[in-house]
Amino acid sequence: MTWSDLTGNWGAWFARIKTRFPNLDDGAMPFLKQDRDRFEAYLAQTHDLTLEEAREEFEDFLYVESLAREAMDLRARDGISVRA
């Protein structure tokens, strides 16, 4: 998953982001979702991380979500029931 994928459907992804990073303030998101660097700086500030740690954590989040999406696509392609 990329930043573009995420921001292209922010409303659908924000709940998952908030689950992983619970200290995010919903009110700040309209401004932060437009700039990944700014978002990562805010993530560092709100979660007591260095900027590099925040970038790594967010990159991990995107990677895990990509894997989950690929698994769902494979299951759907193979006709395997997917439970939420």
PDB file of N, CA and C in Angstrom:
ATOM      1  N   MET A   1       0.844  -1.163   0.000  1.00  0.00           N
ATOM      2  CA  MET A   1       0.000   0.000   0.000  1.00  0.00           C
ATOM      3  C   MET A   1       0.892   1.230   0.000  1.00  0.00           C
ATOM      4  N   THR A   2       0.438   2.238  -0.664  1.00  0.00           N
ATOM      5  CA  THR A   2       1.199   3.476  -0.742  1.00  0.00           C
ATOM      6  C   THR A   2       0.444   4.599  -0.039  1.00  0.00           C
ATOM      7  N   TRP A   3       1.142   5.702   0.152  1.00  0.00           N
ATOM      8  CA  TRP A   3       0.524   6.899   0.723  1.00  0.00           C
ATOM      9  C   TRP A   3      -0.647   7.329  -0.153  1.00  0.00           C
ATOM     10  N   SER A   4      -0.496   7.244  -1.468  1.00  0.00           N
ATOM     11  CA  SER A   4      -1.573   7.623  -2.397  1.00  0.00           C
ATOM     12  C   SER A   4      -2.803   6.734  -2.226  1.00  0.00           C
ATOM     13  N   ASP A   5      -2.578   5.430  -2.057  1.00  0.00           N
ATOM     14  CA  ASP A   5      -3.703   4.517  -1.809  1.00  0.00           C
ATOM     15  C   ASP A   5      -4.447   4.935  -0.550  1.00  0.00           C
ATOM     16  N   LEU A   6      -3.685   5.226   0.463  1.00  0.00           N
ATOM     17  CA  LEU A   6      -4.251   5.583   1.761  1.00  0.00           C
ATOM     18  C   LEU A   6      -5.041   6.882   1.687  1.00  0.00           C
ATOM     19  N   THR A   7      -4.444   7.909   1.111  1.00  0.00           N
ATOM     20  CA  THR A   7      -5.121   9.206   1.066  1.00  0.00           C
ATOM     21  C   THR A   7      -6.244   9.233   0.041  1.00  0.00           C
ATOM     22  N   GLY A   8      -6.201   8.314  -0.916  1.00  0.00           N
ATOM     23  CA  GLY A   8      -7.275   8.227  -1.899  1.00  0.00           C
ATOM     24  C   GLY A   8      -8.594   7.789  -1.286  1.00  0.00           C
ATOM     25  N   ASN A   9      -8.518   7.119  -0.154  1.00  0.00           N
ATOM     26  CA  ASN A   9      -9.724   6.678   0.552  1.00  0.00           C
ATOM     27  C   ASN A   9      -9.492   6.821   2.053  1.00  0.00           C
ATOM     28  N   TRP A  10      -9.142   8.013   2.457  1.00  0.00           N
ATOM     29  CA  TRP A  10      -8.765   8.309   3.841  1.00  0.00           C
ATOM     30  C   TRP A  10      -9.833   7.872   4.832  1.00  0.00           C
ATOM     31  N   GLY A  11     -11.090   8.138   4.518  1.00  0.00           N
ATOM     32  CA  GLY A  11     -12.170   7.795   5.438  1.00  0.00           C
ATOM     33  C   GLY A  11     -12.211   6.318   5.784  1.00  0.00           C
ATOM     34  N   ALA A  12     -11.965   5.486   4.792  1.00  0.00           N
ATOM     35  CA  ALA A  12     -11.986   4.042   5.025  1.00  0.00           C
ATOM     36  C   ALA A  12     -10.768   3.578   5.812  1.00  0.00           C
ATOM     37  N   TRP A  13      -9.632   4.245   5.633  1.00  0.00           N
ATOM     38  CA  TRP A  13      -8.394   3.803   6.271  1.00  0.00           C
ATOM     39  C   TRP A  13      -8.126   4.439   7.625  1.00  0.00           C
ATOM     40  N   PHE A  14      -8.752   5.558   7.906  1.00  0.00           N
ATOM     41  CA  PHE A  14      -8.415   6.262   9.140  1.00  0.00           C
ATOM     42  C   PHE A  14      -8.671   5.426  10.389  1.00  0.00           C
ATOM     43  N   ALA A  15      -9.732   4.657  10.412  1.00  0.00           N
ATOM     44  CA  ALA A  15     -10.018   3.819  11.593  1.00  0.00           C
ATOM     45  C   ALA A  15      -8.883   2.827  11.836  1.00  0.00           C
ATOM     46  N   ARG A  16      -8.332   2.255  10.770  1.00  0.00           N
ATOM     47  CA  ARG A  16      -7.215   1.304  10.922  1.00  0.00           C
ATOM     48  C   ARG A  16      -5.954   2.019  11.378  1.00  0.00           C
ATOM     49  N   ILE A  17      -5.730   3.208  10.851  1.00  0.00           N
ATOM     50  CA  ILE A  17      -4.569   3.995  11.275  1.00  0.00           C
ATOM     51  C   ILE A  17      -4.705   4.330  12.755  1.00  0.00           C
ATOM     52  N   LYS A  18      -5.904   4.748  13.141  1.00  0.00           N
ATOM     53  CA  LYS A  18      -6.159   5.139  14.534  1.00  0.00           C
ATOM     54  C   LYS A  18      -6.015   3.941  15.481  1.00  0.00           C
ATOM     55  N   THR A  19      -6.356   2.743  15.016  1.00  0.00           N
ATOM     56  CA  THR A  19      -6.170   1.544  15.829  1.00  0.00           C
ATOM     57  C   THR A  19      -4.690   1.324  16.106  1.00  0.00           C
ATOM     58  N   ARG A  20      -3.867   1.523  15.095  1.00  0.00           N
ATOM     59  CA  ARG A  20      -2.419   1.318  15.236  1.00  0.00           C
ATOM     60  C   ARG A  20      -1.752   2.474  15.978  1.00  0.00           C
ATOM     61  N   PHE A  21      -2.266   3.690  15.765  1.00  0.00           N
ATOM     62  CA  PHE A  21      -1.689   4.896  16.367  1.00  0.00           C
ATOM     63  C   PHE A  21      -2.796   5.658  17.102  1.00  0.00           C
ATOM     64  N   PRO A  22      -3.143   5.217  18.305  1.00  0.00           N
ATOM     65  CA  PRO A  22      -4.329   5.728  19.002  1.00  0.00           C
ATOM     66  C   PRO A  22      -4.256   7.186  19.458  1.00  0.00           C
ATOM     67  N   ASN A  23      -3.101   7.778  19.494  1.00  0.00           N
ATOM     68  CA  ASN A  23      -3.005   9.157  19.986  1.00  0.00           C
ATOM     69  C   ASN A  23      -3.260  10.210  18.919  1.00  0.00           C
ATOM     70  N   LEU A  24      -3.626   9.787  17.729  1.00  0.00           N
ATOM     71  CA  LEU A  24      -3.913  10.754  16.669  1.00  0.00           C
ATOM     72  C   LEU A  24      -5.197  11.500  16.982  1.00  0.00           C
ATOM     73  N   ASP A  25      -5.191  12.779  16.706  1.00  0.00           N
ATOM     74  CA  ASP A  25      -6.366  13.626  16.918  1.00  0.00           C
ATOM     75  C   ASP A  25      -7.133  13.732  15.604  1.00  0.00           C
ATOM     76  N   ASP A  26      -8.379  13.312  15.625  1.00  0.00           N
ATOM     77  CA  ASP A  26      -9.201  13.338  14.411  1.00  0.00           C
ATOM     78  C   ASP A  26      -9.230  14.726  13.770  1.00  0.00           C
ATOM     79  N   GLY A  27      -9.242  15.758  14.592  1.00  0.00           N
ATOM     80  CA  GLY A  27      -9.328  17.127  14.086  1.00  0.00           C
ATOM     81  C   GLY A  27      -8.108  17.577  13.299  1.00  0.00           C
ATOM     82  N   ALA A  28      -6.968  16.965  13.547  1.00  0.00           N
ATOM     83  CA  ALA A  28      -5.743  17.359  12.845  1.00  0.00           C
ATOM     84  C   ALA A  28      -5.615  16.674  11.486  1.00  0.00           C
ATOM     85  N   MET A  29      -6.362  15.623  11.268  1.00  0.00           N
ATOM     86  CA  MET A  29      -6.169  14.811  10.077  1.00  0.00           C
ATOM     87  C   MET A  29      -6.461  15.508   8.749  1.00  0.00           C
ATOM     88  N   PRO A  30      -7.473  16.370   8.651  1.00  0.00           N
ATOM     89  CA  PRO A  30      -7.696  17.012   7.342  1.00  0.00           C
ATOM     90  C   PRO A  30      -6.462  17.766   6.827  1.00  0.00           C
ATOM     91  N   PHE A  31      -5.672  18.304   7.711  1.00  0.00           N
ATOM     92  CA  PHE A  31      -4.484  19.054   7.310  1.00  0.00           C
ATOM     93  C   PHE A  31      -3.290  18.129   7.085  1.00  0.00           C
ATOM     94  N   LEU A  32      -3.191  17.095   7.885  1.00  0.00           N
ATOM     95  CA  LEU A  32      -2.019  16.220   7.845  1.00  0.00           C
ATOM     96  C   LEU A  32      -2.066  15.198   6.723  1.00  0.00           C
ATOM     97  N   LYS A  33      -3.252  14.812   6.306  1.00  0.00           N
ATOM     98  CA  LYS A  33      -3.354  13.764   5.285  1.00  0.00           C
ATOM     99  C   LYS A  33      -2.853  14.218   3.926  1.00  0.00           C
ATOM    100  N   GLN A  34      -2.635  15.501   3.760  1.00  0.00           N
ATOM    101  CA  GLN A  34      -2.173  16.022   2.482  1.00  0.00           C
ATOM    102  C   GLN A  34      -0.651  16.001   2.339  1.00  0.00           C
ATOM    103  N   ASP A  35       0.055  15.721   3.423  1.00  0.00           N
ATOM    104  CA  ASP A  35       1.517  15.786   3.390  1.00  0.00           C
ATOM    105  C   ASP A  35       2.088  14.688   4.280  1.00  0.00           C
ATOM    106  N   ARG A  36       2.677  13.690   3.669  1.00  0.00           N
ATOM    107  CA  ARG A  36       3.179  12.542   4.430  1.00  0.00           C
ATOM    108  C   ARG A  36       4.258  12.947   5.430  1.00  0.00           C
ATOM    109  N   ASP A  37       5.180  13.816   5.039  1.00  0.00           N
ATOM    110  CA  ASP A  37       6.231  14.247   5.968  1.00  0.00           C
ATOM    111  C   ASP A  37       5.632  14.908   7.202  1.00  0.00           C
ATOM    112  N   ARG A  38       4.646  15.745   6.979  1.00  0.00           N
ATOM    113  CA  ARG A  38       3.977  16.410   8.099  1.00  0.00           C
ATOM    114  C   ARG A  38       3.240  15.393   8.976  1.00  0.00           C
ATOM    115  N   PHE A  39       2.592  14.431   8.340  1.00  0.00           N
ATOM    116  CA  PHE A  39       1.891  13.387   9.078  1.00  0.00           C
ATOM    117  C   PHE A  39       2.864  12.601   9.944  1.00  0.00           C
ATOM    118  N   GLU A  40       3.999  12.216   9.377  1.00  0.00           N
ATOM    119  CA  GLU A  40       4.980  11.442  10.136  1.00  0.00           C
ATOM    120  C   GLU A  40       5.568  12.256  11.281  1.00  0.00           C
ATOM    121  N   ALA A  41       5.769  13.547  11.087  1.00  0.00           N
ATOM    122  CA  ALA A  41       6.258  14.407  12.172  1.00  0.00           C
ATOM    123  C   ALA A  41       5.220  14.470  13.295  1.00  0.00           C
ATOM    124  N   TYR A  42       3.951  14.595  12.923  1.00  0.00           N
ATOM    125  CA  TYR A  42       2.874  14.616  13.910  1.00  0.00           C
ATOM    126  C   TYR A  42       2.795  13.273  14.636  1.00  0.00           C
ATOM    127  N   LEU A  43       2.948  12.188  13.895  1.00  0.00           N
ATOM    128  CA  LEU A  43       2.946  10.851  14.479  1.00  0.00           C
ATOM    129  C   LEU A  43       4.055  10.722  15.520  1.00  0.00           C
ATOM    130  N   ALA A  44       5.241  11.205  15.194  1.00  0.00           N
ATOM    131  CA  ALA A  44       6.365  11.165  16.136  1.00  0.00           C
ATOM    132  C   ALA A  44       6.029  11.949  17.401  1.00  0.00           C
ATOM    133  N   GLN A  45       5.494  13.131  17.212  1.00  0.00           N
ATOM    134  CA  GLN A  45       5.178  13.999  18.344  1.00  0.00           C
ATOM    135  C   GLN A  45       4.109  13.392  19.252  1.00  0.00           C
ATOM    136  N   THR A  46       3.087  12.816  18.677  1.00  0.00           N
ATOM    137  CA  THR A  46       1.960  12.314  19.476  1.00  0.00           C
ATOM    138  C   THR A  46       2.190  10.932  20.061  1.00  0.00           C
ATOM    139  N   HIS A  47       3.220  10.235  19.598  1.00  0.00           N
ATOM    140  CA  HIS A  47       3.461   8.872  20.078  1.00  0.00           C
ATOM    141  C   HIS A  47       4.842   8.696  20.688  1.00  0.00           C
ATOM    142  N   ASP A  48       5.461   9.799  21.045  1.00  0.00           N
ATOM    143  CA  ASP A  48       6.758   9.783  21.726  1.00  0.00           C
ATOM    144  C   ASP A  48       7.787   8.956  20.951  1.00  0.00           C
ATOM    145  N   LEU A  49       7.903   9.267  19.664  1.00  0.00           N
ATOM    146  CA  LEU A  49       8.848   8.593  18.785  1.00  0.00           C
ATOM    147  C   LEU A  49       9.786   9.626  18.167  1.00  0.00           C
ATOM    148  N   THR A  50      10.943   9.171  17.743  1.00  0.00           N
ATOM    149  CA  THR A  50      11.774  10.054  16.929  1.00  0.00           C
ATOM    150  C   THR A  50      11.140  10.091  15.537  1.00  0.00           C
ATOM    151  N   LEU A  51      11.559  11.033  14.730  1.00  0.00           N
ATOM    152  CA  LEU A  51      11.018  11.114  13.379  1.00  0.00           C
ATOM    153  C   LEU A  51      11.337   9.837  12.599  1.00  0.00           C
ATOM    154  N   GLU A  52      12.533   9.332  12.749  1.00  0.00           N
ATOM    155  CA  GLU A  52      12.911   8.093  12.050  1.00  0.00           C
ATOM    156  C   GLU A  52      12.066   6.911  12.535  1.00  0.00           C
ATOM    157  N   GLU A  53      11.833   6.824  13.832  1.00  0.00           N
ATOM    158  CA  GLU A  53      10.983   5.750  14.366  1.00  0.00           C
ATOM    159  C   GLU A  53       9.566   5.861  13.819  1.00  0.00           C
ATOM    160  N   ALA A  54       9.047   7.081  13.763  1.00  0.00           N
ATOM    161  CA  ALA A  54       7.687   7.291  13.242  1.00  0.00           C
ATOM    162  C   ALA A  54       7.616   6.867  11.780  1.00  0.00           C
ATOM    163  N   ARG A  55       8.627   7.221  11.003  1.00  0.00           N
ATOM    164  CA  ARG A  55       8.652   6.819   9.589  1.00  0.00           C
ATOM    165  C   ARG A  55       8.686   5.299   9.457  1.00  0.00           C
ATOM    166  N   GLU A  56       9.507   4.646  10.256  1.00  0.00           N
ATOM    167  CA  GLU A  56       9.598   3.194  10.213  1.00  0.00           C
ATOM    168  C   GLU A  56       8.291   2.531  10.633  1.00  0.00           C
ATOM    169  N   GLU A  57       7.689   3.044  11.701  1.00  0.00           N
ATOM    170  CA  GLU A  57       6.424   2.487  12.179  1.00  0.00           C
ATOM    171  C   GLU A  57       5.329   2.657  11.130  1.00  0.00           C
ATOM    172  N   PHE A  58       5.285   3.819  10.496  1.00  0.00           N
ATOM    173  CA  PHE A  58       4.264   4.055   9.487  1.00  0.00           C
ATOM    174  C   PHE A  58       4.519   3.199   8.245  1.00  0.00           C
ATOM    175  N   GLU A  59       5.767   3.048   7.866  1.00  0.00           N
ATOM    176  CA  GLU A  59       6.118   2.190   6.728  1.00  0.00           C
ATOM    177  C   GLU A  59       5.726   0.747   7.033  1.00  0.00           C
ATOM    178  N   ASP A  60       5.938   0.298   8.267  1.00  0.00           N
ATOM    179  CA  ASP A  60       5.509  -1.044   8.687  1.00  0.00           C
ATOM    180  C   ASP A  60       3.991  -1.183   8.580  1.00  0.00           C
ATOM    181  N   PHE A  61       3.269  -0.155   9.015  1.00  0.00           N
ATOM    182  CA  PHE A  61       1.813  -0.163   8.915  1.00  0.00           C
ATOM    183  C   PHE A  61       1.383  -0.342   7.461  1.00  0.00           C
ATOM    184  N   LEU A  62       1.959   0.435   6.561  1.00  0.00           N
ATOM    185  CA  LEU A  62       1.603   0.340   5.147  1.00  0.00           C
ATOM    186  C   LEU A  62       1.913  -1.047   4.596  1.00  0.00           C
ATOM    187  N   TYR A  63       3.049  -1.605   4.987  1.00  0.00           N
ATOM    188  CA  TYR A  63       3.448  -2.931   4.516  1.00  0.00           C
ATOM    189  C   TYR A  63       2.475  -4.006   4.998  1.00  0.00           C
ATOM    190  N   VAL A  64       2.138  -3.978   6.266  1.00  0.00           N
ATOM    191  CA  VAL A  64       1.210  -4.972   6.826  1.00  0.00           C
ATOM    192  C   VAL A  64      -0.159  -4.859   6.160  1.00  0.00           C
ATOM    193  N   GLU A  65      -0.603  -3.642   5.941  1.00  0.00           N
ATOM    194  CA  GLU A  65      -1.898  -3.450   5.280  1.00  0.00           C
ATOM    195  C   GLU A  65      -1.849  -3.950   3.845  1.00  0.00           C
ATOM    196  N   SER A  66      -0.717  -3.799   3.179  1.00  0.00           N
ATOM    197  CA  SER A  66      -0.556  -4.322   1.818  1.00  0.00           C
ATOM    198  C   SER A  66      -0.663  -5.841   1.818  1.00  0.00           C
ATOM    199  N   LEU A  67       0.004  -6.466   2.763  1.00  0.00           N
ATOM    200  CA  LEU A  67      -0.063  -7.925   2.866  1.00  0.00           C
ATOM    201  C   LEU A  67      -1.492  -8.398   3.128  1.00  0.00           C
ATOM    202  N   ALA A  68      -2.180  -7.711   4.011  1.00  0.00           N
ATOM    203  CA  ALA A  68      -3.564  -8.084   4.335  1.00  0.00           C
ATOM    204  C   ALA A  68      -4.454  -7.940   3.104  1.00  0.00           C
ATOM    205  N   ARG A  69      -4.248  -6.868   2.360  1.00  0.00           N
ATOM    206  CA  ARG A  69      -5.058  -6.654   1.157  1.00  0.00           C
ATOM    207  C   ARG A  69      -4.768  -7.734   0.107  1.00  0.00           C
ATOM    208  N   GLU A  70      -3.505  -8.082  -0.058  1.00  0.00           N
ATOM    209  CA  GLU A  70      -3.135  -9.136  -1.006  1.00  0.00           C
ATOM    210  C   GLU A  70      -3.754 -10.475  -0.597  1.00  0.00           C
ATOM    211  N   ALA A  71      -3.732 -10.774   0.688  1.00  0.00           N
ATOM    212  CA  ALA A  71      -4.324 -12.024   1.169  1.00  0.00           C
ATOM    213  C   ALA A  71      -5.827 -12.052   0.892  1.00  0.00           C
ATOM    214  N   MET A  72      -6.487 -10.934   1.115  1.00  0.00           N
ATOM    215  CA  MET A  72      -7.927 -10.847   0.841  1.00  0.00           C
ATOM    216  C   MET A  72      -8.190 -11.046  -0.650  1.00  0.00           C
ATOM    217  N   ASP A  73      -7.376 -10.429  -1.494  1.00  0.00           N
ATOM    218  CA  ASP A  73      -7.543 -10.568  -2.944  1.00  0.00           C
ATOM    219  C   ASP A  73      -7.355 -12.018  -3.377  1.00  0.00           C
ATOM    220  N   LEU A  74      -6.345 -12.685  -2.815  1.00  0.00           N
ATOM    221  CA  LEU A  74      -6.104 -14.088  -3.151  1.00  0.00           C
ATOM    222  C   LEU A  74      -7.261 -14.973  -2.712  1.00  0.00           C
ATOM    223  N   ARG A  75      -7.763 -14.731  -1.531  1.00  0.00           N
ATOM    224  CA  ARG A  75      -8.895 -15.517  -1.029  1.00  0.00           C
ATOM    225  C   ARG A  75     -10.118 -15.310  -1.902  1.00  0.00           C
ATOM    226  N   ALA A  76     -10.362 -14.065  -2.265  1.00  0.00           N
ATOM    227  CA  ALA A  76     -11.520 -13.772  -3.113  1.00  0.00           C
ATOM    228  C   ALA A  76     -11.356 -14.432  -4.483  1.00  0.00           C
ATOM    229  N   ARG A  77     -10.161 -14.367  -5.030  1.00  0.00           N
ATOM    230  CA  ARG A  77      -9.889 -14.970  -6.332  1.00  0.00           C
ATOM    231  C   ARG A  77     -10.099 -16.482  -6.298  1.00  0.00           C
ATOM    232  N   ASP A  78      -9.700 -17.088  -5.196  1.00  0.00           N
ATOM    233  CA  ASP A  78      -9.800 -18.546  -5.066  1.00  0.00           C
ATOM    234  C   ASP A  78     -11.157 -18.992  -4.511  1.00  0.00           C
ATOM    235  N   GLY A  79     -12.049 -18.052  -4.267  1.00  0.00           N
ATOM    236  CA  GLY A  79     -13.385 -18.394  -3.789  1.00  0.00           C
ATOM    237  C   GLY A  79     -13.437 -18.819  -2.342  1.00  0.00           C
ATOM    238  N   ILE A  80     -12.451 -18.413  -1.566  1.00  0.00           N
ATOM    239  CA  ILE A  80     -12.405 -18.759  -0.145  1.00  0.00           C
ATOM    240  C   ILE A  80     -13.178 -17.697   0.625  1.00  0.00           C
ATOM    241  N   SER A  81     -14.032 -18.140   1.517  1.00  0.00           N
ATOM    242  CA  SER A  81     -14.828 -17.220   2.321  1.00  0.00           C
ATOM    243  C   SER A  81     -13.912 -16.353   3.184  1.00  0.00           C
ATOM    244  N   VAL A  82     -14.207 -15.065   3.192  1.00  0.00           N
ATOM    245  CA  VAL A  82     -13.416 -14.110   3.968  1.00  0.00           C
ATOM    246  C   VAL A  82     -14.306 -13.556   5.069  1.00  0.00           C
ATOM    247  N   ARG A  83     -13.837 -13.685   6.304  1.00  0.00           N
ATOM    248  CA  ARG A  83     -14.604 -13.160   7.441  1.00  0.00           C
ATOM    249  C   ARG A  83     -13.935 -11.893   7.937  1.00  0.00           C
ATOM    250  N   ALA A  84     -14.746 -10.933   8.289  1.00  0.00           N
ATOM    251  CA  ALA A  84     -14.220  -9.663   8.798  1.00  0.00           C
ATOM    252  C   ALA A  84     -13.854  -9.760  10.245  1.00  0.00           C
TER     253      ALA A  84
END
